[in-house]
Amino acid sequence: MPSTSIADYKPSTPEELWAILDRGTKRQEEFERRQEEFDRRQAEAIRRKEDFDRRQEESARQREEDWKKLENMFAESNNEIGGPDNTLGEIVEHLVAPGVEERFKEMGILFERISSNSRIKQDGKLVAEVDLLLENREIILAVEVKSKPKTRDVETHRLRLEKLRKSYDRFGRKRRILGAMVGAVFGTIEKEAALGAGFYVMVQSGEAMKMDLPENFVPREW
């Protein structure tokens, strides 16, 4: 194998050295350009995330304000509608019920009977109170309405549906019983709890009701 001696070494010319330095400089500039582009995209992603979170917060706040306005509107007319106990009932009857009926109609489910503040009794004793009850020959839909549902409301509604099932079974009524929860504002944990319980979830959207379900949602039947 031939060896290279110091005498055979030829130093680079100034032109070659400048060319090497120029290539190194260009590589460094390209690296810095890519780093700046990466940082810019990261900053843009963070800005968009913050903007999305801000809009979500504003939307939730607006829904809550709209709900409070409705409550105040009905509260101001208590003398005409029979007192403060009727406030929620009026909201359910005039705002929630039409929206729930329309959303299910879009899903191909038509209800023949709709009642608010329904009281289910057994042997003269109150078994359950339901904010909104929609019925047809095959389905009973029990709806719980809260301005801002809590996880305990989900469990209470689940137990309510179990009582309804037992009550209807005593009379041989085998219609399917489904549950739904309606709110002005749903927190992430509360929404997951409601969906996990098998309830349809609906939220206020302006003056209408909007179904808020994942694509793979399967309602529970009682």
C-alpha atoms as a PDB file:
ATOM      1  CA  MET A   1       0.000   0.000   0.000  1.00  0.00           C
ATOM      2  CA  PRO A   2       1.617   3.313  -1.066  1.00  0.00           C
ATOM      3  CA  SER A   3       2.436   5.744   1.746  1.00  0.00           C
ATOM      4  CA  THR A   4       2.064   9.490   1.667  1.00  0.00           C
ATOM      5  CA  SER A   5       4.961  11.534   2.856  1.00  0.00           C
ATOM      6  CA  ILE A   6       5.000  15.140   3.982  1.00  0.00           C
ATOM      7  CA  ALA A   7       6.775  15.942   0.760  1.00  0.00           C
ATOM      8  CA  ASP A   8       3.789  14.640  -1.210  1.00  0.00           C
ATOM      9  CA  TYR A   9       1.285  16.826   0.753  1.00  0.00           C
ATOM     10  CA  LYS A  10       0.001  19.779  -1.194  1.00  0.00           C
ATOM     11  CA  PRO A  11      -1.668  22.497   0.843  1.00  0.00           C
ATOM     12  CA  SER A  12      -4.971  23.891  -0.412  1.00  0.00           C
ATOM     13  CA  THR A  13      -4.785  27.040  -2.421  1.00  0.00           C
ATOM     14  CA  PRO A  14      -6.415  30.213  -1.053  1.00  0.00           C
ATOM     15  CA  GLU A  15      -9.190  29.768  -3.639  1.00  0.00           C
ATOM     16  CA  GLU A  16      -9.884  26.234  -2.381  1.00  0.00           C
ATOM     17  CA  LEU A  17      -9.874  27.374   1.239  1.00  0.00           C
ATOM     18  CA  TRP A  18     -12.319  30.179   0.440  1.00  0.00           C
ATOM     19  CA  ALA A  19     -14.525  27.708  -1.413  1.00  0.00           C
ATOM     20  CA  ILE A  20     -14.531  25.376   1.620  1.00  0.00           C
ATOM     21  CA  LEU A  21     -15.324  28.286   3.924  1.00  0.00           C
ATOM     22  CA  ASP A  22     -18.076  29.466   1.583  1.00  0.00           C
ATOM     23  CA  ARG A  23     -19.694  26.020   1.548  1.00  0.00           C
ATOM     24  CA  GLY A  24     -19.539  25.871   5.330  1.00  0.00           C
ATOM     25  CA  THR A  25     -21.080  29.315   5.597  1.00  0.00           C
ATOM     26  CA  LYS A  26     -23.893  28.386   3.240  1.00  0.00           C
ATOM     27  CA  ARG A  27     -24.609  25.202   5.194  1.00  0.00           C
ATOM     28  CA  GLN A  28     -24.727  27.222   8.401  1.00  0.00           C
ATOM     29  CA  GLU A  29     -27.052  29.778   6.819  1.00  0.00           C
ATOM     30  CA  GLU A  30     -29.322  27.010   5.513  1.00  0.00           C
ATOM     31  CA  PHE A  31     -29.405  25.398   8.946  1.00  0.00           C
ATOM     32  CA  GLU A  32     -30.260  28.724  10.581  1.00  0.00           C
ATOM     33  CA  ARG A  33     -32.952  29.367   7.953  1.00  0.00           C
ATOM     34  CA  ARG A  34     -34.549  25.998   8.605  1.00  0.00           C
ATOM     35  CA  GLN A  35     -34.333  26.566  12.350  1.00  0.00           C
ATOM     36  CA  GLU A  36     -36.035  29.941  11.979  1.00  0.00           C
ATOM     37  CA  GLU A  37     -38.738  28.358   9.824  1.00  0.00           C
ATOM     38  CA  PHE A  38     -39.253  25.626  12.400  1.00  0.00           C
ATOM     39  CA  ASP A  39     -39.437  28.188  15.217  1.00  0.00           C
ATOM     40  CA  ARG A  40     -41.891  30.262  13.173  1.00  0.00           C
ATOM     41  CA  ARG A  41     -44.148  27.263  12.583  1.00  0.00           C
ATOM     42  CA  GLN A  42     -43.979  26.326  16.247  1.00  0.00           C
ATOM     43  CA  ALA A  43     -44.900  29.862  17.248  1.00  0.00           C
ATOM     44  CA  GLU A  44     -47.758  29.857  14.716  1.00  0.00           C
ATOM     45  CA  ALA A  45     -49.038  26.530  16.062  1.00  0.00           C
ATOM     46  CA  ILE A  46     -48.958  27.872  19.614  1.00  0.00           C
ATOM     47  CA  ARG A  47     -50.729  31.058  18.506  1.00  0.00           C
ATOM     48  CA  ARG A  48     -53.454  29.059  16.747  1.00  0.00           C
ATOM     49  CA  LYS A  49     -53.898  26.819  19.795  1.00  0.00           C
ATOM     50  CA  GLU A  50     -54.207  29.857  22.057  1.00  0.00           C
ATOM     51  CA  ASP A  51     -56.640  31.450  19.615  1.00  0.00           C
ATOM     52  CA  PHE A  52     -58.725  28.245  19.487  1.00  0.00           C
ATOM     53  CA  ASP A  53     -58.796  28.004  23.294  1.00  0.00           C
ATOM     54  CA  ARG A  54     -59.783  31.677  23.516  1.00  0.00           C
ATOM     55  CA  ARG A  55     -62.660  31.194  21.058  1.00  0.00           C
ATOM     56  CA  GLN A  56     -63.795  28.090  22.965  1.00  0.00           C
ATOM     57  CA  GLU A  57     -63.802  30.041  26.227  1.00  0.00           C
ATOM     58  CA  GLU A  58     -65.664  32.934  24.623  1.00  0.00           C
ATOM     59  CA  SER A  59     -68.219  30.545  23.123  1.00  0.00           C
ATOM     60  CA  ALA A  60     -68.777  28.819  26.473  1.00  0.00           C
ATOM     61  CA  ARG A  61     -69.058  32.158  28.247  1.00  0.00           C
ATOM     62  CA  GLN A  62     -71.539  33.429  25.660  1.00  0.00           C
ATOM     63  CA  ARG A  63     -73.692  30.297  25.981  1.00  0.00           C
ATOM     64  CA  GLU A  64     -73.711  30.669  29.752  1.00  0.00           C
ATOM     65  CA  GLU A  65     -74.637  34.361  29.467  1.00  0.00           C
ATOM     66  CA  ASP A  66     -77.434  33.518  27.004  1.00  0.00           C
ATOM     67  CA  TRP A  67     -78.778  30.901  29.399  1.00  0.00           C
ATOM     68  CA  LYS A  68     -78.712  33.363  32.307  1.00  0.00           C
ATOM     69  CA  LYS A  69     -80.536  35.934  30.193  1.00  0.00           C
ATOM     70  CA  LEU A  70     -83.246  33.378  29.523  1.00  0.00           C
ATOM     71  CA  GLU A  71     -83.494  32.539  33.212  1.00  0.00           C
ATOM     72  CA  ASN A  72     -83.718  36.238  34.077  1.00  0.00           C
ATOM     73  CA  MET A  73     -86.304  36.806  31.366  1.00  0.00           C
ATOM     74  CA  PHE A  74     -88.580  34.131  32.788  1.00  0.00           C
ATOM     75  CA  ALA A  75     -87.852  35.175  36.364  1.00  0.00           C
ATOM     76  CA  GLU A  76     -88.998  38.723  35.580  1.00  0.00           C
ATOM     77  CA  SER A  77     -92.330  37.349  34.410  1.00  0.00           C
ATOM     78  CA  ASN A  78     -92.907  35.193  37.492  1.00  0.00           C
ATOM     79  CA  ASN A  79     -96.164  36.949  38.325  1.00  0.00           C
ATOM     80  CA  GLU A  80     -97.560  35.880  34.971  1.00  0.00           C
ATOM     81  CA  ILE A  81     -96.342  32.305  34.900  1.00  0.00           C
ATOM     82  CA  GLY A  82     -96.991  31.337  38.507  1.00  0.00           C
ATOM     83  CA  GLY A  83     -93.819  31.912  40.500  1.00  0.00           C
ATOM     84  CA  PRO A  84     -90.078  31.141  40.520  1.00  0.00           C
ATOM     85  CA  ASP A  85     -90.559  27.357  40.558  1.00  0.00           C
ATOM     86  CA  ASN A  86     -91.822  27.582  36.996  1.00  0.00           C
ATOM     87  CA  THR A  87     -88.709  29.311  35.629  1.00  0.00           C
ATOM     88  CA  LEU A  88     -86.850  26.141  34.612  1.00  0.00           C
ATOM     89  CA  GLY A  89     -90.080  24.580  33.395  1.00  0.00           C
ATOM     90  CA  GLU A  90     -90.702  27.527  31.101  1.00  0.00           C
ATOM     91  CA  ILE A  91     -87.178  27.316  29.670  1.00  0.00           C
ATOM     92  CA  VAL A  92     -87.594  23.584  29.097  1.00  0.00           C
ATOM     93  CA  GLU A  93     -90.976  24.037  27.450  1.00  0.00           C
ATOM     94  CA  HIS A  94     -90.193  27.008  25.220  1.00  0.00           C
ATOM     95  CA  LEU A  95     -86.496  26.558  24.420  1.00  0.00           C
ATOM     96  CA  VAL A  96     -85.267  23.035  25.110  1.00  0.00           C
ATOM     97  CA  ALA A  97     -88.233  20.896  24.048  1.00  0.00           C
ATOM     98  CA  PRO A  98     -88.538  22.241  20.463  1.00  0.00           C
ATOM     99  CA  GLY A  99     -84.775  21.960  19.966  1.00  0.00           C
ATOM    100  CA  VAL A 100     -84.580  18.381  21.261  1.00  0.00           C
ATOM    101  CA  GLU A 101     -87.567  17.337  19.163  1.00  0.00           C
ATOM    102  CA  GLU A 102     -86.054  18.893  16.031  1.00  0.00           C
ATOM    103  CA  ARG A 103     -82.618  17.299  16.501  1.00  0.00           C
ATOM    104  CA  PHE A 104     -84.129  13.823  16.895  1.00  0.00           C
ATOM    105  CA  LYS A 105     -86.438  14.438  13.953  1.00  0.00           C
ATOM    106  CA  GLU A 106     -83.296  15.057  11.871  1.00  0.00           C
ATOM    107  CA  MET A 107     -82.108  11.625  13.035  1.00  0.00           C
ATOM    108  CA  GLY A 108     -85.359  10.046  11.849  1.00  0.00           C
ATOM    109  CA  ILE A 109     -86.940   9.703  15.293  1.00  0.00           C
ATOM    110  CA  LEU A 110     -90.379  11.297  15.647  1.00  0.00           C
ATOM    111  CA  PHE A 111     -92.062  11.744  19.023  1.00  0.00           C
ATOM    112  CA  GLU A 112     -95.819  11.805  19.469  1.00  0.00           C
ATOM    113  CA  ARG A 113     -95.965  13.118  23.002  1.00  0.00           C
ATOM    114  CA  ILE A 114     -93.796  15.720  24.764  1.00  0.00           C
ATOM    115  CA  SER A 115     -94.191  16.763  28.380  1.00  0.00           C
ATOM    116  CA  SER A 116     -92.111  18.906  30.724  1.00  0.00           C
ATOM    117  CA  ASN A 117     -91.655  18.480  34.475  1.00  0.00           C
ATOM    118  CA  SER A 118     -93.104  14.962  34.362  1.00  0.00           C
ATOM    119  CA  ARG A 119     -93.683  13.119  37.616  1.00  0.00           C
ATOM    120  CA  ILE A 120     -93.641   9.349  37.593  1.00  0.00           C
ATOM    121  CA  LYS A 121     -95.522   7.719  40.471  1.00  0.00           C
ATOM    122  CA  GLN A 122     -95.803   4.171  41.706  1.00  0.00           C
ATOM    123  CA  ASP A 123     -98.427   3.106  44.232  1.00  0.00           C
ATOM    124  CA  GLY A 124     -99.146   6.766  44.889  1.00  0.00           C
ATOM    125  CA  LYS A 125     -95.501   7.534  45.661  1.00  0.00           C
ATOM    126  CA  LEU A 126     -93.233   9.737  43.558  1.00  0.00           C
ATOM    127  CA  VAL A 127     -90.648   7.580  41.789  1.00  0.00           C
ATOM    128  CA  ALA A 128     -88.891  10.179  39.648  1.00  0.00           C
ATOM    129  CA  GLU A 129     -89.192  13.666  38.244  1.00  0.00           C
ATOM    130  CA  VAL A 130     -88.092  14.237  34.650  1.00  0.00           C
ATOM    131  CA  ASP A 131     -87.414  17.682  33.214  1.00  0.00           C
ATOM    132  CA  LEU A 132     -88.496  16.633  29.731  1.00  0.00           C
ATOM    133  CA  LEU A 133     -90.111  13.405  28.538  1.00  0.00           C
ATOM    134  CA  LEU A 134     -90.556  12.592  24.838  1.00  0.00           C
ATOM    135  CA  GLU A 135     -92.463   9.478  23.799  1.00  0.00           C
ATOM    136  CA  ASN A 136     -93.586   7.450  20.817  1.00  0.00           C
ATOM    137  CA  ARG A 137     -94.767   3.855  20.517  1.00  0.00           C
ATOM    138  CA  GLU A 138     -91.239   2.455  20.699  1.00  0.00           C
ATOM    139  CA  ILE A 139     -89.097   4.949  22.602  1.00  0.00           C
ATOM    140  CA  ILE A 140     -89.186   6.986  25.799  1.00  0.00           C
ATOM    141  CA  LEU A 141     -86.536   9.713  25.961  1.00  0.00           C
ATOM    142  CA  ALA A 142     -85.884  11.189  29.419  1.00  0.00           C
ATOM    143  CA  VAL A 143     -84.015  14.500  29.302  1.00  0.00           C
ATOM    144  CA  GLU A 144     -82.224  16.196  32.197  1.00  0.00           C
ATOM    145  CA  VAL A 145     -81.697  19.956  31.784  1.00  0.00           C
ATOM    146  CA  LYS A 146     -79.007  21.936  33.616  1.00  0.00           C
ATOM    147  CA  SER A 147     -77.422  25.294  32.885  1.00  0.00           C
ATOM    148  CA  LYS A 148     -74.000  23.771  33.712  1.00  0.00           C
ATOM    149  CA  PRO A 149     -74.218  19.990  34.312  1.00  0.00           C
ATOM    150  CA  LYS A 150     -72.054  18.369  36.972  1.00  0.00           C
ATOM    151  CA  THR A 151     -70.823  14.777  37.153  1.00  0.00           C
ATOM    152  CA  ARG A 152     -73.228  14.123  40.050  1.00  0.00           C
ATOM    153  CA  ASP A 153     -76.086  15.154  37.738  1.00  0.00           C
ATOM    154  CA  VAL A 154     -75.028  12.388  35.348  1.00  0.00           C
ATOM    155  CA  GLU A 155     -75.178   9.748  38.083  1.00  0.00           C
ATOM    156  CA  THR A 156     -78.512  11.083  39.360  1.00  0.00           C
ATOM    157  CA  HIS A 157     -79.991  10.857  35.877  1.00  0.00           C
ATOM    158  CA  ARG A 158     -78.686   7.311  35.423  1.00  0.00           C
ATOM    159  CA  LEU A 159     -80.390   6.223  38.642  1.00  0.00           C
ATOM    160  CA  ARG A 160     -83.543   8.050  37.516  1.00  0.00           C
ATOM    161  CA  LEU A 161     -83.662   5.977  34.331  1.00  0.00           C
ATOM    162  CA  GLU A 162     -83.239   2.750  36.283  1.00  0.00           C
ATOM    163  CA  LYS A 163     -86.274   3.742  38.372  1.00  0.00           C
ATOM    164  CA  LEU A 164     -88.221   4.544  35.213  1.00  0.00           C
ATOM    165  CA  ARG A 165     -87.376   1.130  33.767  1.00  0.00           C
ATOM    166  CA  LYS A 166     -88.612  -0.678  36.872  1.00  0.00           C
ATOM    167  CA  SER A 167     -91.744   1.444  37.010  1.00  0.00           C
ATOM    168  CA  TYR A 168     -92.681   0.815  33.377  1.00  0.00           C
ATOM    169  CA  ASP A 169     -91.884  -2.892  33.646  1.00  0.00           C
ATOM    170  CA  ARG A 170     -94.554  -3.270  36.341  1.00  0.00           C
ATOM    171  CA  PHE A 171     -97.179  -2.425  33.762  1.00  0.00           C
ATOM    172  CA  GLY A 172     -95.662  -4.537  30.997  1.00  0.00           C
ATOM    173  CA  ARG A 173     -94.461  -1.506  29.046  1.00  0.00           C
ATOM    174  CA  LYS A 174     -91.485  -2.693  27.041  1.00  0.00           C
ATOM    175  CA  ARG A 175     -90.633   0.470  25.164  1.00  0.00           C
ATOM    176  CA  ARG A 176     -86.958   1.375  24.917  1.00  0.00           C
ATOM    177  CA  ILE A 177     -85.871   4.024  27.410  1.00  0.00           C
ATOM    178  CA  LEU A 178     -83.088   6.419  26.379  1.00  0.00           C
ATOM    179  CA  GLY A 179     -81.458   9.278  28.247  1.00  0.00           C
ATOM    180  CA  ALA A 180     -80.201  12.718  27.252  1.00  0.00           C
ATOM    181  CA  MET A 181     -78.601  15.669  28.992  1.00  0.00           C
ATOM    182  CA  VAL A 182     -78.942  19.286  27.883  1.00  0.00           C
ATOM    183  CA  GLY A 183     -76.780  22.141  29.115  1.00  0.00           C
ATOM    184  CA  ALA A 184     -75.780  25.675  28.295  1.00  0.00           C
ATOM    185  CA  VAL A 185     -72.140  24.804  29.020  1.00  0.00           C
ATOM    186  CA  PHE A 186     -70.611  21.323  29.243  1.00  0.00           C
ATOM    187  CA  GLY A 187     -67.189  20.849  30.803  1.00  0.00           C
ATOM    188  CA  THR A 188     -64.920  18.212  29.262  1.00  0.00           C
ATOM    189  CA  ILE A 189     -65.147  15.896  32.278  1.00  0.00           C
ATOM    190  CA  GLU A 190     -68.911  16.279  32.544  1.00  0.00           C
ATOM    191  CA  LYS A 191     -69.404  15.652  28.838  1.00  0.00           C
ATOM    192  CA  GLU A 192     -67.251  12.508  28.942  1.00  0.00           C
ATOM    193  CA  ALA A 193     -69.219  11.289  31.964  1.00  0.00           C
ATOM    194  CA  ALA A 194     -72.548  11.816  30.187  1.00  0.00           C
ATOM    195  CA  LEU A 195     -71.374  10.091  27.022  1.00  0.00           C
ATOM    196  CA  GLY A 196     -69.857   7.294  29.067  1.00  0.00           C
ATOM    197  CA  ALA A 197     -73.238   6.767  30.728  1.00  0.00           C
ATOM    198  CA  GLY A 198     -74.769   6.384  27.267  1.00  0.00           C
ATOM    199  CA  PHE A 199     -76.643   9.708  27.248  1.00  0.00           C
ATOM    200  CA  TYR A 200     -77.207  11.904  24.231  1.00  0.00           C
ATOM    201  CA  VAL A 201     -75.487  15.240  24.895  1.00  0.00           C
ATOM    202  CA  MET A 202     -76.964  18.499  23.632  1.00  0.00           C
ATOM    203  CA  VAL A 203     -75.747  22.058  24.162  1.00  0.00           C
ATOM    204  CA  GLN A 204     -77.272  25.447  23.628  1.00  0.00           C
ATOM    205  CA  SER A 205     -76.099  27.101  20.402  1.00  0.00           C
ATOM    206  CA  GLY A 206     -77.615  30.559  20.174  1.00  0.00           C
ATOM    207  CA  GLU A 207     -81.363  30.060  20.346  1.00  0.00           C
ATOM    208  CA  ALA A 208     -81.170  26.439  19.168  1.00  0.00           C
ATOM    209  CA  MET A 209     -80.034  23.098  20.545  1.00  0.00           C
ATOM    210  CA  LYS A 210     -77.066  21.279  19.010  1.00  0.00           C
ATOM    211  CA  MET A 211     -76.278  17.574  19.325  1.00  0.00           C
ATOM    212  CA  ASP A 212     -72.696  17.087  20.556  1.00  0.00           C
ATOM    213  CA  LEU A 213     -71.749  13.440  19.985  1.00  0.00           C
ATOM    214  CA  PRO A 214     -68.662  11.540  18.793  1.00  0.00           C
ATOM    215  CA  GLU A 215     -68.998   9.617  15.530  1.00  0.00           C
ATOM    216  CA  ASN A 216     -68.880   6.222  17.271  1.00  0.00           C
ATOM    217  CA  PHE A 217     -71.490   7.096  19.896  1.00  0.00           C
ATOM    218  CA  VAL A 218     -73.897   4.301  20.826  1.00  0.00           C
ATOM    219  CA  PRO A 219     -76.727   5.277  23.206  1.00  0.00           C
ATOM    220  CA  ARG A 220     -77.498   3.061  26.181  1.00  0.00           C
ATOM    221  CA  GLU A 221     -80.965   1.566  26.478  1.00  0.00           C
ATOM    222  CA  TRP A 222     -82.714   0.941  29.757  1.00  0.00           C
END
